[in-house]
C-alpha atoms as a PDB file:
ATOM      1  CA  ARG A   1       0.000   0.000   0.000  1.00  0.00           C
ATOM      2  CA  LEU A   2       1.178   3.489  -0.846  1.00  0.00           C
ATOM      3  CA  THR A   3       1.651   5.725   2.181  1.00  0.00           C
ATOM      4  CA  LEU A   4       2.014   9.449   1.638  1.00  0.00           C
ATOM      5  CA  GLU A   5       3.638  11.973   3.946  1.00  0.00           C
ATOM      6  CA  VAL A   6       1.448  15.058   3.716  1.00  0.00           C
ATOM      7  CA  ASN A   7       0.832  17.775   6.281  1.00  0.00           C
ATOM      8  CA  MET A   8      -2.872  18.518   6.353  1.00  0.00           C
ATOM      9  CA  LYS A   9      -6.092  18.160   8.324  1.00  0.00           C
ATOM     10  CA  ILE A  10      -9.098  16.081   7.317  1.00  0.00           C
ATOM     11  CA  ALA A  11     -12.569  16.313   8.875  1.00  0.00           C
ATOM     12  CA  ILE A  12     -15.038  13.434   8.553  1.00  0.00           C
ATOM     13  CA  CYS A  13     -18.742  14.298   8.769  1.00  0.00           C
ATOM     14  CA  GLY A  14     -21.560  11.796   8.474  1.00  0.00           C
ATOM     15  CA  ASP A  15     -23.805   9.291  10.221  1.00  0.00           C
ATOM     16  CA  SER A  16     -23.210   5.896  11.867  1.00  0.00           C
ATOM     17  CA  ILE A  17     -21.460   4.574   8.760  1.00  0.00           C
ATOM     18  CA  SER A  18     -18.743   7.167   9.331  1.00  0.00           C
ATOM     19  CA  GLU A  19     -18.783   7.066  13.136  1.00  0.00           C
ATOM     20  CA  GLY A  20     -18.942   3.277  13.374  1.00  0.00           C
ATOM     21  CA  ILE A  21     -21.266   1.258  15.588  1.00  0.00           C
ATOM     22  CA  GLY A  22     -20.891  -0.947  18.619  1.00  0.00           C
ATOM     23  CA  SER A  23     -18.378  -0.453  21.402  1.00  0.00           C
ATOM     24  CA  LEU A  24     -15.376  -0.462  19.031  1.00  0.00           C
ATOM     25  CA  LYS A  25     -16.775   2.147  16.614  1.00  0.00           C
ATOM     26  CA  ILE A  26     -14.888   0.626  13.682  1.00  0.00           C
ATOM     27  CA  ASN A  27     -14.915   2.935  10.654  1.00  0.00           C
ATOM     28  CA  TYR A  28     -12.720   4.055   7.749  1.00  0.00           C
ATOM     29  CA  GLN A  29     -10.702   6.675   9.662  1.00  0.00           C
ATOM     30  CA  PRO A  30      -7.851   4.322  10.729  1.00  0.00           C
ATOM     31  CA  LEU A  31      -7.528   3.089   7.151  1.00  0.00           C
ATOM     32  CA  LEU A  32      -7.096   6.651   5.909  1.00  0.00           C
ATOM     33  CA  GLN A  33      -4.576   7.300   8.667  1.00  0.00           C
ATOM     34  CA  GLU A  34      -2.504   4.366   7.422  1.00  0.00           C
ATOM     35  CA  LYS A  35      -2.351   5.849   3.949  1.00  0.00           C
ATOM     36  CA  PHE A  36      -1.503   9.415   4.912  1.00  0.00           C
ATOM     37  CA  LYS A  37       1.280  10.121   7.386  1.00  0.00           C
ATOM     38  CA  ASN A  38       1.489  13.435   9.251  1.00  0.00           C
ATOM     39  CA  VAL A  39      -2.199  13.963   8.605  1.00  0.00           C
ATOM     40  CA  GLU A  40      -4.530  14.905  11.448  1.00  0.00           C
ATOM     41  CA  ILE A  41      -7.953  13.341  10.979  1.00  0.00           C
ATOM     42  CA  LYS A  42     -10.923  14.201  13.182  1.00  0.00           C
ATOM     43  CA  ASN A  43     -14.203  12.336  13.011  1.00  0.00           C
ATOM     44  CA  PHE A  44     -17.239  14.534  13.648  1.00  0.00           C
ATOM     45  CA  ALA A  45     -19.739  11.890  12.508  1.00  0.00           C
ATOM     46  CA  HIS A  46     -22.649  10.967  14.749  1.00  0.00           C
ATOM     47  CA  THR A  47     -25.031   8.011  14.599  1.00  0.00           C
ATOM     48  CA  GLY A  48     -28.435   8.810  13.113  1.00  0.00           C
ATOM     49  CA  SER A  49     -27.421  12.257  11.912  1.00  0.00           C
ATOM     50  CA  MET A  50     -28.511  13.977   8.720  1.00  0.00           C
ATOM     51  CA  ILE A  51     -27.083  16.871   6.734  1.00  0.00           C
ATOM     52  CA  ASN A  52     -28.586  19.384   9.188  1.00  0.00           C
ATOM     53  CA  HIS A  53     -26.232  17.967  11.850  1.00  0.00           C
ATOM     54  CA  MET A  54     -23.584  20.169  10.238  1.00  0.00           C
ATOM     55  CA  ASP A  55     -25.139  23.110  12.092  1.00  0.00           C
ATOM     56  CA  GLN A  56     -24.441  21.478  15.447  1.00  0.00           C
ATOM     57  CA  ILE A  57     -20.792  20.758  14.702  1.00  0.00           C
ATOM     58  CA  GLU A  58     -19.977  23.938  12.771  1.00  0.00           C
ATOM     59  CA  LEU A  59     -18.048  25.600  15.615  1.00  0.00           C
ATOM     60  CA  ASN A  60     -15.937  22.486  16.139  1.00  0.00           C
ATOM     61  CA  ILE A  61     -15.195  22.203  12.439  1.00  0.00           C
ATOM     62  CA  ARG A  62     -14.254  25.879  12.215  1.00  0.00           C
ATOM     63  CA  LYS A  63     -11.956  25.474  15.220  1.00  0.00           C
ATOM     64  CA  PHE A  64     -10.288  22.424  13.672  1.00  0.00           C
ATOM     65  CA  ASP A  65      -9.954  24.267  10.333  1.00  0.00           C
ATOM     66  CA  PRO A  66      -9.578  21.239   8.029  1.00  0.00           C
ATOM     67  CA  ASP A  67      -7.955  21.332   4.618  1.00  0.00           C
ATOM     68  CA  ILE A  68     -10.284  18.582   3.385  1.00  0.00           C
ATOM     69  CA  LEU A  69     -13.897  18.037   4.392  1.00  0.00           C
ATOM     70  CA  ILE A  70     -15.552  14.658   3.819  1.00  0.00           C
ATOM     71  CA  LEU A  71     -19.363  14.728   3.708  1.00  0.00           C
ATOM     72  CA  PHE A  72     -21.029  11.312   3.874  1.00  0.00           C
ATOM     73  CA  TYR A  73     -24.727  12.150   4.340  1.00  0.00           C
ATOM     74  CA  GLY A  74     -27.988  10.958   2.826  1.00  0.00           C
ATOM     75  CA  ASN A  75     -28.135   7.447   4.264  1.00  0.00           C
ATOM     76  CA  VAL A  76     -30.435   8.545   7.083  1.00  0.00           C
ATOM     77  CA  ASP A  77     -31.967  11.560   5.332  1.00  0.00           C
ATOM     78  CA  ALA A  78     -33.400   9.461   2.489  1.00  0.00           C
ATOM     79  CA  MET A  79     -34.205   6.269   4.395  1.00  0.00           C
ATOM     80  CA  THR A  80     -37.891   5.389   4.386  1.00  0.00           C
ATOM     81  CA  ARG A  81     -40.029   4.767   7.458  1.00  0.00           C
ATOM     82  CA  PRO A  82     -43.765   4.291   8.076  1.00  0.00           C
ATOM     83  CA  LYS A  83     -45.669   7.570   7.975  1.00  0.00           C
ATOM     84  CA  SER A  84     -45.200   9.035  11.437  1.00  0.00           C
ATOM     85  CA  LYS A  85     -48.655  10.612  11.546  1.00  0.00           C
ATOM     86  CA  SER A  86     -50.500   7.383  10.856  1.00  0.00           C
ATOM     87  CA  VAL A  87     -52.656   5.913  13.628  1.00  0.00           C
ATOM     88  CA  PHE A  88     -50.781   2.610  13.717  1.00  0.00           C
ATOM     89  CA  TYR A  89     -47.373   4.291  14.000  1.00  0.00           C
ATOM     90  CA  ARG A  90     -48.530   6.391  16.952  1.00  0.00           C
ATOM     91  CA  PHE A  91     -49.377   3.268  18.919  1.00  0.00           C
ATOM     92  CA  LEU A  92     -45.867   1.877  18.593  1.00  0.00           C
ATOM     93  CA  PRO A  93     -43.797   1.673  21.801  1.00  0.00           C
ATOM     94  CA  ASN A  94     -41.445   4.651  22.087  1.00  0.00           C
ATOM     95  CA  ARG A  95     -38.331   2.555  21.482  1.00  0.00           C
ATOM     96  CA  TYR A  96     -39.562   1.577  18.012  1.00  0.00           C
ATOM     97  CA  ARG A  97     -40.286   5.168  17.049  1.00  0.00           C
ATOM     98  CA  LYS A  98     -36.681   6.206  17.520  1.00  0.00           C
ATOM     99  CA  ASN A  99     -34.429   6.620  14.515  1.00  0.00           C
ATOM    100  CA  GLY A 100     -33.259   3.244  13.239  1.00  0.00           C
ATOM    101  CA  MET A 101     -35.225   1.106  15.695  1.00  0.00           C
ATOM    102  CA  LEU A 102     -37.348  -0.416  12.925  1.00  0.00           C
ATOM    103  CA  SER A 103     -34.201  -1.475  11.087  1.00  0.00           C
ATOM    104  CA  PRO A 104     -32.461  -4.836  11.608  1.00  0.00           C
ATOM    105  CA  ARG A 105     -29.547  -5.167  14.019  1.00  0.00           C
ATOM    106  CA  ALA A 106     -26.098  -4.858  12.509  1.00  0.00           C
ATOM    107  CA  LEU A 107     -24.221  -6.692  15.263  1.00  0.00           C
ATOM    108  CA  PHE A 108     -25.009  -9.585  17.579  1.00  0.00           C
ATOM    109  CA  THR A 109     -23.443 -10.618  20.860  1.00  0.00           C
ATOM    110  CA  ARG A 110     -21.367 -13.804  21.096  1.00  0.00           C
ATOM    111  CA  ARG A 111     -23.431 -15.025  24.052  1.00  0.00           C
ATOM    112  CA  PHE A 112     -25.536 -17.844  22.633  1.00  0.00           C
ATOM    113  CA  PHE A 113     -28.938 -17.268  24.288  1.00  0.00           C
ATOM    114  CA  VAL A 114     -28.801 -13.481  24.068  1.00  0.00           C
ATOM    115  CA  ARG A 115     -27.720 -13.748  20.445  1.00  0.00           C
ATOM    116  CA  GLY A 116     -30.769 -15.882  19.697  1.00  0.00           C
ATOM    117  CA  PHE A 117     -33.076 -13.322  21.269  1.00  0.00           C
ATOM    118  CA  GLN A 118     -31.386 -10.492  19.350  1.00  0.00           C
ATOM    119  CA  LYS A 119     -31.871 -12.301  16.032  1.00  0.00           C
ATOM    120  CA  ILE A 120     -35.558 -12.884  16.767  1.00  0.00           C
ATOM    121  CA  GLU A 121     -36.031  -9.241  17.767  1.00  0.00           C
ATOM    122  CA  SER A 122     -34.169  -8.106  14.637  1.00  0.00           C
ATOM    123  CA  LEU A 123     -36.489 -10.189  12.456  1.00  0.00           C
ATOM    124  CA  PHE A 124     -39.458  -8.702  14.305  1.00  0.00           C
ATOM    125  CA  ARG A 125     -38.238  -5.195  13.464  1.00  0.00           C
ATOM    126  CA  ILE A 126     -37.945  -6.072   9.785  1.00  0.00           C
ATOM    127  CA  CYS A 127     -41.443  -7.563   9.617  1.00  0.00           C
ATOM    128  CA  LEU A 128     -43.010  -4.746  11.622  1.00  0.00           C
ATOM    129  CA  ASN A 129     -41.420  -2.088   9.433  1.00  0.00           C
ATOM    130  CA  LYS A 130     -42.567  -3.795   6.219  1.00  0.00           C
ATOM    131  CA  LEU A 131     -46.092  -4.281   7.565  1.00  0.00           C
ATOM    132  CA  LEU A 132     -46.481  -0.676   8.711  1.00  0.00           C
ATOM    133  CA  ILE A 133     -45.154   0.692   5.417  1.00  0.00           C
ATOM    134  CA  LYS A 134     -47.578  -1.525   3.520  1.00  0.00           C
ATOM    135  CA  ILE A 135     -50.527  -0.412   5.678  1.00  0.00           C
ATOM    136  CA  CYS A 136     -49.640   3.238   6.343  1.00  0.00           C
ATOM    137  CA  GLY A 137     -47.409   4.183   3.438  1.00  0.00           C
ATOM    138  CA  TYR A 138     -43.957   5.662   3.905  1.00  0.00           C
ATOM    139  CA  GLU A 139     -42.039   8.897   4.231  1.00  0.00           C
ATOM    140  CA  VAL A 140     -38.378   9.864   4.389  1.00  0.00           C
ATOM    141  CA  TRP A 141     -36.631  11.445   7.348  1.00  0.00           C
ATOM    142  CA  MET A 142     -35.799  14.595   5.355  1.00  0.00           C
ATOM    143  CA  THR A 143     -37.648  15.661   2.231  1.00  0.00           C
ATOM    144  CA  VAL A 144     -35.647  15.871  -0.965  1.00  0.00           C
ATOM    145  CA  ASP A 145     -36.198  19.637  -1.255  1.00  0.00           C
ATOM    146  CA  LYS A 146     -35.018  20.253   2.304  1.00  0.00           C
ATOM    147  CA  PHE A 147     -32.037  17.967   1.752  1.00  0.00           C
ATOM    148  CA  GLU A 148     -30.922  19.837  -1.355  1.00  0.00           C
ATOM    149  CA  GLU A 149     -31.465  23.195   0.329  1.00  0.00           C
ATOM    150  CA  LYS A 150     -29.460  22.255   3.419  1.00  0.00           C
ATOM    151  CA  TYR A 151     -26.686  20.537   1.476  1.00  0.00           C
ATOM    152  CA  THR A 152     -26.342  23.610  -0.745  1.00  0.00           C
ATOM    153  CA  GLU A 153     -26.132  25.793   2.347  1.00  0.00           C
ATOM    154  CA  VAL A 154     -23.375  23.615   3.821  1.00  0.00           C
ATOM    155  CA  LEU A 155     -21.317  23.704   0.634  1.00  0.00           C
ATOM    156  CA  LYS A 156     -21.642  27.471   0.505  1.00  0.00           C
ATOM    157  CA  LYS A 157     -20.374  27.783   4.099  1.00  0.00           C
ATOM    158  CA  TYR A 158     -17.266  25.757   3.321  1.00  0.00           C
ATOM    159  CA  SER A 159     -16.684  26.936  -0.231  1.00  0.00           C
ATOM    160  CA  GLY A 160     -13.015  27.637   0.495  1.00  0.00           C
ATOM    161  CA  LYS A 161     -12.312  24.038   1.488  1.00  0.00           C
ATOM    162  CA  ASN A 162     -11.478  20.958  -0.532  1.00  0.00           C
ATOM    163  CA  ILE A 163     -14.684  18.938  -0.171  1.00  0.00           C
ATOM    164  CA  ILE A 164     -15.383  15.307  -0.961  1.00  0.00           C
ATOM    165  CA  LEU A 165     -19.036  14.274  -1.295  1.00  0.00           C
ATOM    166  CA  ILE A 166     -20.013  10.632  -0.865  1.00  0.00           C
ATOM    167  CA  SER A 167     -23.310   9.170  -2.016  1.00  0.00           C
ATOM    168  CA  THR A 168     -25.420   6.824   0.072  1.00  0.00           C
ATOM    169  CA  VAL A 169     -24.605   3.148   0.265  1.00  0.00           C
ATOM    170  CA  PRO A 170     -27.038   0.616  -1.252  1.00  0.00           C
ATOM    171  CA  VAL A 171     -29.313  -1.291   1.139  1.00  0.00           C
ATOM    172  CA  TYR A 172     -31.094  -4.636   1.013  1.00  0.00           C
ATOM    173  CA  GLU A 173     -34.467  -3.734  -0.484  1.00  0.00           C
ATOM    174  CA  LYS A 174     -36.444  -6.492   1.250  1.00  0.00           C
ATOM    175  CA  TRP A 175     -35.406  -5.118   4.636  1.00  0.00           C
ATOM    176  CA  PHE A 176     -35.569  -1.424   3.696  1.00  0.00           C
ATOM    177  CA  PRO A 177     -38.642  -1.099   1.435  1.00  0.00           C
ATOM    178  CA  HIS A 178     -38.472   1.722  -1.151  1.00  0.00           C
ATOM    179  CA  THR A 179     -35.235   3.094   0.318  1.00  0.00           C
ATOM    180  CA  ASN A 180     -33.030   2.343  -2.687  1.00  0.00           C
ATOM    181  CA  GLU A 181     -35.371   4.205  -5.021  1.00  0.00           C
ATOM    182  CA  GLN A 182     -35.112   7.227  -2.714  1.00  0.00           C
ATOM    183  CA  TYR A 183     -31.341   6.856  -2.538  1.00  0.00           C
ATOM    184  CA  VAL A 184     -31.120   7.086  -6.333  1.00  0.00           C
ATOM    185  CA  ILE A 185     -32.971  10.422  -6.232  1.00  0.00           C
ATOM    186  CA  TYR A 186     -30.886  11.878  -3.397  1.00  0.00           C
ATOM    187  CA  ASN A 187     -27.610  10.617  -4.882  1.00  0.00           C
ATOM    188  CA  LYS A 188     -28.388  12.432  -8.114  1.00  0.00           C
ATOM    189  CA  ILE A 189     -28.661  15.643  -6.107  1.00  0.00           C
ATOM    190  CA  ILE A 190     -25.369  14.983  -4.317  1.00  0.00           C
ATOM    191  CA  LYS A 191     -23.629  14.374  -7.638  1.00  0.00           C
ATOM    192  CA  GLU A 192     -25.104  17.506  -9.219  1.00  0.00           C
ATOM    193  CA  LEU A 193     -24.046  19.590  -6.218  1.00  0.00           C
ATOM    194  CA  SER A 194     -20.528  18.196  -6.452  1.00  0.00           C
ATOM    195  CA  GLU A 195     -20.324  19.240 -10.092  1.00  0.00           C
ATOM    196  CA  LYS A 196     -21.718  22.723  -9.425  1.00  0.00           C
ATOM    197  CA  ASN A 197     -19.337  23.337  -6.541  1.00  0.00           C
ATOM    198  CA  GLY A 198     -16.193  21.725  -7.915  1.00  0.00           C
ATOM    199  CA  CYS A 199     -16.160  18.932  -5.318  1.00  0.00           C
ATOM    200  CA  GLU A 200     -14.941  15.366  -5.681  1.00  0.00           C
ATOM    201  CA  PHE A 201     -17.794  12.855  -5.807  1.00  0.00           C
ATOM    202  CA  ILE A 202     -17.623   9.220  -4.719  1.00  0.00           C
ATOM    203  CA  ASN A 203     -20.471   7.035  -5.912  1.00  0.00           C
ATOM    204  CA  ALA A 204     -20.464   4.597  -2.986  1.00  0.00           C
ATOM    205  CA  TYR A 205     -23.863   3.298  -4.077  1.00  0.00           C
ATOM    206  CA  ASP A 206     -22.613   1.991  -7.419  1.00  0.00           C
ATOM    207  CA  ILE A 207     -19.217   0.895  -6.109  1.00  0.00           C
ATOM    208  CA  LEU A 208     -20.559  -1.199  -3.230  1.00  0.00           C
ATOM    209  CA  SER A 209     -23.364  -2.634  -5.380  1.00  0.00           C
ATOM    210  CA  LYS A 210     -20.733  -4.598  -7.302  1.00  0.00           C
ATOM    211  CA  TYR A 211     -19.847  -6.697  -4.243  1.00  0.00           C
ATOM    212  CA  GLU A 212     -21.586  -9.586  -2.520  1.00  0.00           C
ATOM    213  CA  TRP A 213     -23.489  -8.384   0.558  1.00  0.00           C
ATOM    214  CA  ASP A 214     -21.463 -10.463   3.009  1.00  0.00           C
ATOM    215  CA  ASN A 215     -18.181  -9.094   1.666  1.00  0.00           C
ATOM    216  CA  VAL A 216     -18.818  -5.430   2.414  1.00  0.00           C
ATOM    217  CA  PHE A 217     -21.781  -5.213   4.820  1.00  0.00           C
ATOM    218  CA  LEU A 218     -22.633  -6.258   8.354  1.00  0.00           C
ATOM    219  CA  ALA A 219     -25.685  -8.371   9.208  1.00  0.00           C
ATOM    220  CA  ASP A 220     -28.159  -5.525   8.623  1.00  0.00           C
ATOM    221  CA  ARG A 221     -26.928  -4.980   5.050  1.00  0.00           C
ATOM    222  CA  PHE A 222     -26.683  -1.269   5.684  1.00  0.00           C
ATOM    223  CA  HIS A 223     -23.640  -0.674   7.896  1.00  0.00           C
ATOM    224  CA  LEU A 224     -20.266  -1.506   6.414  1.00  0.00           C
ATOM    225  CA  SER A 225     -18.019  -4.371   7.462  1.00  0.00           C
ATOM    226  CA  GLN A 226     -14.226  -4.134   7.517  1.00  0.00           C
ATOM    227  CA  GLY A 227     -14.250  -5.143   3.861  1.00  0.00           C
ATOM    228  CA  GLY A 228     -16.671  -2.349   3.033  1.00  0.00           C
ATOM    229  CA  TYR A 229     -14.587   0.214   4.880  1.00  0.00           C
ATOM    230  CA  GLU A 230     -11.502  -0.884   2.972  1.00  0.00           C
ATOM    231  CA  VAL A 231     -13.330  -0.246  -0.297  1.00  0.00           C
ATOM    232  CA  ILE A 232     -14.542   3.186   0.819  1.00  0.00           C
ATOM    233  CA  ALA A 233     -11.169   4.171   2.292  1.00  0.00           C
ATOM    234  CA  GLU A 234      -9.497   3.355  -1.011  1.00  0.00           C
ATOM    235  CA  GLU A 235     -11.957   5.545  -2.922  1.00  0.00           C
ATOM    236  CA  ILE A 236     -11.567   8.417  -0.457  1.00  0.00           C
ATOM    237  CA  SER A 237      -7.777   8.142  -0.715  1.00  0.00           C
ATOM    238  CA  LYS A 238      -8.011   8.481  -4.495  1.00  0.00           C
ATOM    239  CA  ALA A 239     -10.239  11.545  -4.114  1.00  0.00           C
ATOM    240  CA  ILE A 240      -7.812  13.118  -1.628  1.00  0.00           C
ATOM    241  CA  CYS A 241      -4.924  12.531  -4.007  1.00  0.00           C
ATOM    242  CA  LYS A 242      -6.823  14.336  -6.757  1.00  0.00           C
ATOM    243  CA  LYS A 243      -7.229  17.312  -4.453  1.00  0.00           C
ATOM    244  CA  ILE A 244      -3.615  17.500  -3.349  1.00  0.00           C
ATOM    245  CA  SER A 245      -2.068  16.203  -6.601  1.00  0.00           C
ATOM    246  CA  CYS A 246      -0.146  13.372  -4.965  1.00  0.00           C
END
C-alpha cells in the first residue's frame, strides 16, 4: 500500500457509517490514517445524523480548520419509514419510534442465548417495518427539497475548502422497502451539487453494489463491514490525491 507523507487536516462528517457502531466504533478513519502520514484526521460523525447535523458541529469544524472536508450524508436523510402521523405508528412503543429502531440489528453478541433473542427481535423489526409501510405508506426522514437546500447551504459555508461528497450506500431492499429508489434520487442531487461546486464525488452506491453483501456489509446490510470500509477508504484516498495532486 502506498503511504504518503502530507501535512494537512481532514474532517469526517456523516452518520453511523462514518462514526462506526458498537463499542469499538470501527470505521474508515484508521484506514485513511494508514495511507496518509502526518495527517490529522478528526471524526465529527454521529449516529443517526442527517445533513442538518452540520449546524451542530460547525463551531468544532471551524476550530479544527480542516484542509479537506468529507461529507457522507444521505443514508439517514433518504431512508424510508412508516408515515409518522398514521394511527398505527402512533401506537408503537417509544423505542420503536426512535431513529433506526425499525431497522435490523447490525451486530449480535457472542453469548448464545442473548444472540438468539437479538436475532428474533431483529427479524421482528424487519417484519413490523414492512407491515407498517404496507398499511400506512412511507415517508423519508428529510424531504428531498429540504435535503438539497441544506446541502447547498453547507457547501456554501465551506466553499473555500477541498470537499469530498459521498453518495449513500445501497441497502437490502427487502429489509428497507423503497429506500433504494429514494437513494437514487438523493444521490443524483449529491452528484449535481458536487459538479456545481467543484467537489470530488464518490459514488459509494454503485461501487458497493458490485460486491456480494457479506463481503462489504454487516448483518443488517446497511452498515459496512471491515471489507466495506476498505473499499470506501481506497476511494476516499483516491479523491484526496486528486485534491492535493499526490
